[in-house]
Amino acid sequence: MTAGFRVASICYGVNDSEWDRPIIATDVLATRLTDLLDASDVVFCASGDVRDELERCAVERGRPAPNVRLLPLEDGWDATVTAVRAGISALARDEKGTHI
């Protein structure tokens, strides 16, 4: 990892099973998910269910458990922005690159 460079991602869902028909091919979704797991220093998830699914997918793909923070979407925009800022600030203080 390049010094001083960290990646934060947002995950609103892991699969597209709730859609009537897939918009993106399943193998493309799987590859994008693996890329998200490999590249992200922190993943902000839209819900606990999304977090659990993301962690399950990491295990299935042999990836380490992601550093996850929940977005408090139900508390409004200001609370969500504050949560993201706190998560990014924590990454900046984490000099060793370990999980928060």
N, C-alpha and C. Protein backbone atom coordinates (compact mmCIF):
# COMPACT_ATOMS: atom_id res chain seq x y z
N MET A 1 0.84 -1.17 0.00
CA MET A 1 0.00 0.00 0.00
C MET A 1 0.89 1.24 0.00
N THR A 2 0.52 2.23 -0.75
CA THR A 2 1.24 3.49 -0.80
C THR A 2 1.01 4.24 0.50
N ALA A 3 2.07 4.79 1.05
CA ALA A 3 1.96 5.53 2.32
C ALA A 3 0.98 6.69 2.17
N GLY A 4 0.10 6.81 3.15
CA GLY A 4 -0.85 7.92 3.17
C GLY A 4 -2.06 7.75 2.27
N PHE A 5 -2.16 6.62 1.60
CA PHE A 5 -3.28 6.40 0.68
C PHE A 5 -4.16 5.30 1.23
N ARG A 6 -5.42 5.61 1.49
CA ARG A 6 -6.37 4.63 2.00
C ARG A 6 -7.62 4.65 1.14
N VAL A 7 -8.34 3.55 1.11
CA VAL A 7 -9.56 3.45 0.31
C VAL A 7 -10.75 3.18 1.22
N ALA A 8 -11.77 4.02 1.10
CA ALA A 8 -13.04 3.82 1.81
C ALA A 8 -14.10 3.56 0.76
N SER A 9 -14.92 2.54 0.98
CA SER A 9 -15.98 2.18 0.04
C SER A 9 -17.33 2.20 0.75
N ILE A 10 -18.38 2.31 -0.03
CA ILE A 10 -19.74 2.23 0.49
C ILE A 10 -20.43 1.05 -0.18
N CYS A 11 -21.09 0.23 0.62
CA CYS A 11 -21.77 -0.95 0.10
C CYS A 11 -23.25 -0.88 0.51
N TYR A 12 -24.11 -0.78 -0.49
CA TYR A 12 -25.55 -0.74 -0.25
C TYR A 12 -26.19 -2.12 -0.38
N GLY A 13 -25.47 -3.06 -0.94
CA GLY A 13 -25.98 -4.41 -1.11
C GLY A 13 -24.92 -5.27 -1.74
N VAL A 14 -25.01 -6.57 -1.50
CA VAL A 14 -23.98 -7.49 -1.99
C VAL A 14 -24.41 -8.20 -3.26
N ASN A 15 -25.70 -8.50 -3.40
CA ASN A 15 -26.14 -9.20 -4.60
C ASN A 15 -27.38 -8.51 -5.16
N ASP A 16 -27.78 -8.95 -6.31
CA ASP A 16 -28.93 -8.32 -6.96
C ASP A 16 -30.14 -9.25 -6.98
N SER A 17 -30.21 -10.16 -6.00
CA SER A 17 -31.30 -11.14 -6.00
C SER A 17 -32.67 -10.51 -5.84
N GLU A 18 -32.73 -9.29 -5.30
CA GLU A 18 -34.04 -8.65 -5.13
C GLU A 18 -34.56 -8.04 -6.43
N TRP A 19 -33.74 -7.99 -7.47
CA TRP A 19 -34.17 -7.44 -8.74
C TRP A 19 -34.90 -8.51 -9.56
N ASP A 20 -35.80 -8.09 -10.40
CA ASP A 20 -36.52 -9.03 -11.26
C ASP A 20 -35.59 -9.75 -12.22
N ARG A 21 -34.62 -9.04 -12.72
CA ARG A 21 -33.63 -9.66 -13.60
C ARG A 21 -32.30 -8.97 -13.36
N PRO A 22 -31.23 -9.72 -13.42
CA PRO A 22 -29.92 -9.12 -13.14
C PRO A 22 -29.55 -8.06 -14.17
N ILE A 23 -29.01 -6.98 -13.68
CA ILE A 23 -28.54 -5.90 -14.55
C ILE A 23 -27.10 -6.19 -15.00
N ILE A 24 -26.35 -6.80 -14.11
CA ILE A 24 -24.94 -7.12 -14.37
C ILE A 24 -24.77 -8.63 -14.20
N ALA A 25 -23.99 -9.24 -15.06
CA ALA A 25 -23.75 -10.69 -14.99
C ALA A 25 -23.18 -11.07 -13.62
N THR A 26 -23.57 -12.24 -13.13
CA THR A 26 -23.18 -12.72 -11.81
C THR A 26 -21.66 -12.75 -11.63
N ASP A 27 -20.92 -13.21 -12.64
CA ASP A 27 -19.46 -13.28 -12.50
C ASP A 27 -18.84 -11.90 -12.40
N VAL A 28 -19.44 -10.91 -13.05
CA VAL A 28 -18.94 -9.54 -12.95
C VAL A 28 -19.19 -9.01 -11.54
N LEU A 29 -20.37 -9.28 -10.99
CA LEU A 29 -20.66 -8.86 -9.62
C LEU A 29 -19.70 -9.50 -8.63
N ALA A 30 -19.42 -10.79 -8.81
CA ALA A 30 -18.50 -11.49 -7.91
C ALA A 30 -17.10 -10.88 -7.99
N THR A 31 -16.66 -10.55 -9.18
CA THR A 31 -15.34 -9.94 -9.36
C THR A 31 -15.29 -8.56 -8.73
N ARG A 32 -16.34 -7.78 -8.92
CA ARG A 32 -16.39 -6.44 -8.32
C ARG A 32 -16.39 -6.52 -6.80
N LEU A 33 -17.10 -7.49 -6.24
CA LEU A 33 -17.13 -7.66 -4.79
C LEU A 33 -15.75 -8.04 -4.27
N THR A 34 -15.08 -8.95 -4.95
CA THR A 34 -13.73 -9.34 -4.55
C THR A 34 -12.79 -8.15 -4.62
N ASP A 35 -12.90 -7.34 -5.66
CA ASP A 35 -12.08 -6.12 -5.77
C ASP A 35 -12.35 -5.17 -4.60
N LEU A 36 -13.64 -5.01 -4.24
CA LEU A 36 -14.00 -4.14 -3.12
C LEU A 36 -13.35 -4.65 -1.84
N LEU A 37 -13.43 -5.96 -1.60
CA LEU A 37 -12.83 -6.55 -0.40
C LEU A 37 -11.32 -6.37 -0.37
N ASP A 38 -10.68 -6.57 -1.51
CA ASP A 38 -9.22 -6.48 -1.58
C ASP A 38 -8.70 -5.05 -1.48
N ALA A 39 -9.44 -4.10 -2.01
CA ALA A 39 -8.94 -2.73 -2.11
C ALA A 39 -9.31 -1.84 -0.94
N SER A 40 -10.38 -2.16 -0.23
CA SER A 40 -10.92 -1.24 0.77
C SER A 40 -10.26 -1.38 2.14
N ASP A 41 -9.87 -0.24 2.69
CA ASP A 41 -9.38 -0.22 4.06
C ASP A 41 -10.55 -0.18 5.04
N VAL A 42 -11.66 0.37 4.60
CA VAL A 42 -12.90 0.39 5.38
C VAL A 42 -14.06 0.35 4.41
N VAL A 43 -15.12 -0.37 4.78
CA VAL A 43 -16.33 -0.43 3.97
C VAL A 43 -17.49 0.05 4.84
N PHE A 44 -18.14 1.10 4.40
CA PHE A 44 -19.33 1.60 5.08
C PHE A 44 -20.52 0.87 4.50
N CYS A 45 -21.27 0.18 5.38
CA CYS A 45 -22.41 -0.62 4.93
C CYS A 45 -23.73 0.05 5.29
N ALA A 46 -24.71 -0.14 4.42
CA ALA A 46 -26.02 0.49 4.58
C ALA A 46 -26.85 -0.15 5.68
N SER A 47 -26.54 -1.38 6.08
CA SER A 47 -27.32 -2.05 7.12
C SER A 47 -26.51 -3.19 7.72
N GLY A 48 -27.01 -3.70 8.82
CA GLY A 48 -26.39 -4.87 9.44
C GLY A 48 -26.47 -6.09 8.54
N ASP A 49 -27.58 -6.23 7.81
CA ASP A 49 -27.72 -7.35 6.88
C ASP A 49 -26.66 -7.29 5.78
N VAL A 50 -26.42 -6.10 5.25
CA VAL A 50 -25.39 -5.94 4.21
C VAL A 50 -24.02 -6.27 4.80
N ARG A 51 -23.76 -5.79 6.02
CA ARG A 51 -22.49 -6.10 6.68
C ARG A 51 -22.30 -7.61 6.82
N ASP A 52 -23.33 -8.30 7.31
CA ASP A 52 -23.23 -9.75 7.51
C ASP A 52 -22.99 -10.47 6.19
N GLU A 53 -23.68 -10.06 5.14
CA GLU A 53 -23.51 -10.68 3.82
C GLU A 53 -22.11 -10.42 3.27
N LEU A 54 -21.60 -9.20 3.46
CA LEU A 54 -20.26 -8.86 3.01
C LEU A 54 -19.22 -9.71 3.74
N GLU A 55 -19.38 -9.87 5.03
CA GLU A 55 -18.45 -10.69 5.80
C GLU A 55 -18.52 -12.15 5.38
N ARG A 56 -19.73 -12.66 5.11
CA ARG A 56 -19.90 -14.04 4.62
C ARG A 56 -19.21 -14.23 3.28
N CYS A 57 -19.37 -13.26 2.40
CA CYS A 57 -18.74 -13.34 1.07
C CYS A 57 -17.22 -13.31 1.19
N ALA A 58 -16.69 -12.54 2.13
CA ALA A 58 -15.24 -12.50 2.34
C ALA A 58 -14.72 -13.89 2.72
N VAL A 59 -15.42 -14.55 3.63
CA VAL A 59 -15.01 -15.89 4.06
C VAL A 59 -15.07 -16.85 2.87
N GLU A 60 -16.16 -16.79 2.09
CA GLU A 60 -16.31 -17.68 0.93
C GLU A 60 -15.20 -17.49 -0.09
N ARG A 61 -14.68 -16.28 -0.19
CA ARG A 61 -13.63 -15.97 -1.18
C ARG A 61 -12.23 -16.06 -0.59
N GLY A 62 -12.12 -16.47 0.68
CA GLY A 62 -10.81 -16.60 1.31
C GLY A 62 -10.15 -15.27 1.59
N ARG A 63 -10.96 -14.24 1.77
CA ARG A 63 -10.43 -12.90 2.05
C ARG A 63 -10.57 -12.61 3.54
N PRO A 64 -9.70 -11.75 4.08
CA PRO A 64 -9.87 -11.38 5.49
C PRO A 64 -11.18 -10.63 5.70
N ALA A 65 -11.70 -10.71 6.90
CA ALA A 65 -12.92 -9.97 7.21
C ALA A 65 -12.67 -8.48 6.99
N PRO A 66 -13.59 -7.82 6.31
CA PRO A 66 -13.39 -6.40 6.04
C PRO A 66 -13.58 -5.56 7.30
N ASN A 67 -12.94 -4.41 7.32
CA ASN A 67 -13.13 -3.41 8.36
C ASN A 67 -14.43 -2.70 8.00
N VAL A 68 -15.49 -2.94 8.76
CA VAL A 68 -16.82 -2.45 8.38
C VAL A 68 -17.34 -1.46 9.41
N ARG A 69 -17.99 -0.44 8.91
CA ARG A 69 -18.73 0.51 9.76
C ARG A 69 -20.12 0.65 9.17
N LEU A 70 -21.10 0.73 10.04
CA LEU A 70 -22.48 0.89 9.58
C LEU A 70 -22.80 2.36 9.36
N LEU A 71 -23.53 2.62 8.30
CA LEU A 71 -24.02 3.97 8.04
C LEU A 71 -25.36 4.14 8.76
N PRO A 72 -25.52 5.16 9.58
CA PRO A 72 -26.79 5.37 10.28
C PRO A 72 -27.79 6.09 9.39
N LEU A 73 -28.16 5.45 8.29
CA LEU A 73 -29.02 6.10 7.29
C LEU A 73 -30.36 6.53 7.87
N GLU A 74 -30.89 5.76 8.81
CA GLU A 74 -32.19 6.09 9.38
C GLU A 74 -32.14 7.35 10.25
N ASP A 75 -30.92 7.77 10.63
CA ASP A 75 -30.76 8.96 11.47
C ASP A 75 -30.60 10.24 10.66
N GLY A 76 -30.61 10.12 9.35
CA GLY A 76 -30.53 11.30 8.50
C GLY A 76 -29.15 11.54 7.92
N TRP A 77 -29.11 12.49 7.01
CA TRP A 77 -27.90 12.80 6.26
C TRP A 77 -26.75 13.25 7.15
N ASP A 78 -27.02 14.16 8.11
CA ASP A 78 -25.96 14.69 8.96
C ASP A 78 -25.28 13.59 9.77
N ALA A 79 -26.08 12.68 10.32
CA ALA A 79 -25.51 11.57 11.09
C ALA A 79 -24.68 10.65 10.21
N THR A 80 -25.12 10.45 8.98
CA THR A 80 -24.38 9.59 8.05
C THR A 80 -23.05 10.23 7.68
N VAL A 81 -23.07 11.52 7.39
CA VAL A 81 -21.82 12.24 7.05
C VAL A 81 -20.87 12.20 8.24
N THR A 82 -21.38 12.40 9.44
CA THR A 82 -20.55 12.36 10.64
C THR A 82 -19.91 10.98 10.82
N ALA A 83 -20.67 9.92 10.57
CA ALA A 83 -20.15 8.56 10.69
C ALA A 83 -19.03 8.30 9.68
N VAL A 84 -19.21 8.77 8.46
CA VAL A 84 -18.18 8.60 7.43
C VAL A 84 -16.93 9.38 7.81
N ARG A 85 -17.10 10.61 8.24
CA ARG A 85 -15.93 11.41 8.65
C ARG A 85 -15.18 10.74 9.80
N ALA A 86 -15.92 10.21 10.78
CA ALA A 86 -15.28 9.54 11.92
C ALA A 86 -14.52 8.30 11.45
N GLY A 87 -15.11 7.54 10.54
CA GLY A 87 -14.45 6.34 10.03
C GLY A 87 -13.19 6.67 9.25
N ILE A 88 -13.24 7.70 8.44
CA ILE A 88 -12.06 8.10 7.67
C ILE A 88 -10.99 8.68 8.58
N SER A 89 -11.40 9.46 9.58
CA SER A 89 -10.44 10.01 10.54
C SER A 89 -9.73 8.90 11.30
N ALA A 90 -10.49 7.85 11.67
CA ALA A 90 -9.89 6.72 12.38
C ALA A 90 -8.85 6.03 11.50
N LEU A 91 -9.13 5.93 10.20
CA LEU A 91 -8.15 5.34 9.28
C LEU A 91 -6.88 6.18 9.23
N ALA A 92 -7.04 7.48 9.21
CA ALA A 92 -5.88 8.38 9.14
C ALA A 92 -5.00 8.24 10.38
N ARG A 93 -5.61 7.96 11.53
CA ARG A 93 -4.85 7.78 12.77
C ARG A 93 -4.23 6.39 12.88
N ASP A 94 -4.69 5.48 12.09
CA ASP A 94 -4.26 4.09 12.15
C ASP A 94 -3.00 3.91 11.31
N GLU A 95 -1.87 4.26 11.83
CA GLU A 95 -0.63 4.29 11.06
C GLU A 95 -0.13 2.92 10.63
N LYS A 96 -0.49 1.86 11.33
CA LYS A 96 0.03 0.54 11.00
C LYS A 96 -0.81 -0.19 9.97
N GLY A 97 -1.96 0.37 9.58
CA GLY A 97 -2.81 -0.28 8.60
C GLY A 97 -3.59 -1.45 9.16
N THR A 98 -3.72 -1.50 10.50
CA THR A 98 -4.48 -2.58 11.12
C THR A 98 -5.94 -2.21 11.16
N HIS A 99 -6.78 -3.20 11.44
CA HIS A 99 -8.22 -2.94 11.53
C HIS A 99 -8.50 -2.04 12.72
N ILE A 100 -9.50 -1.21 12.54
CA ILE A 100 -9.92 -0.29 13.60
C ILE A 100 -10.70 -1.07 14.64
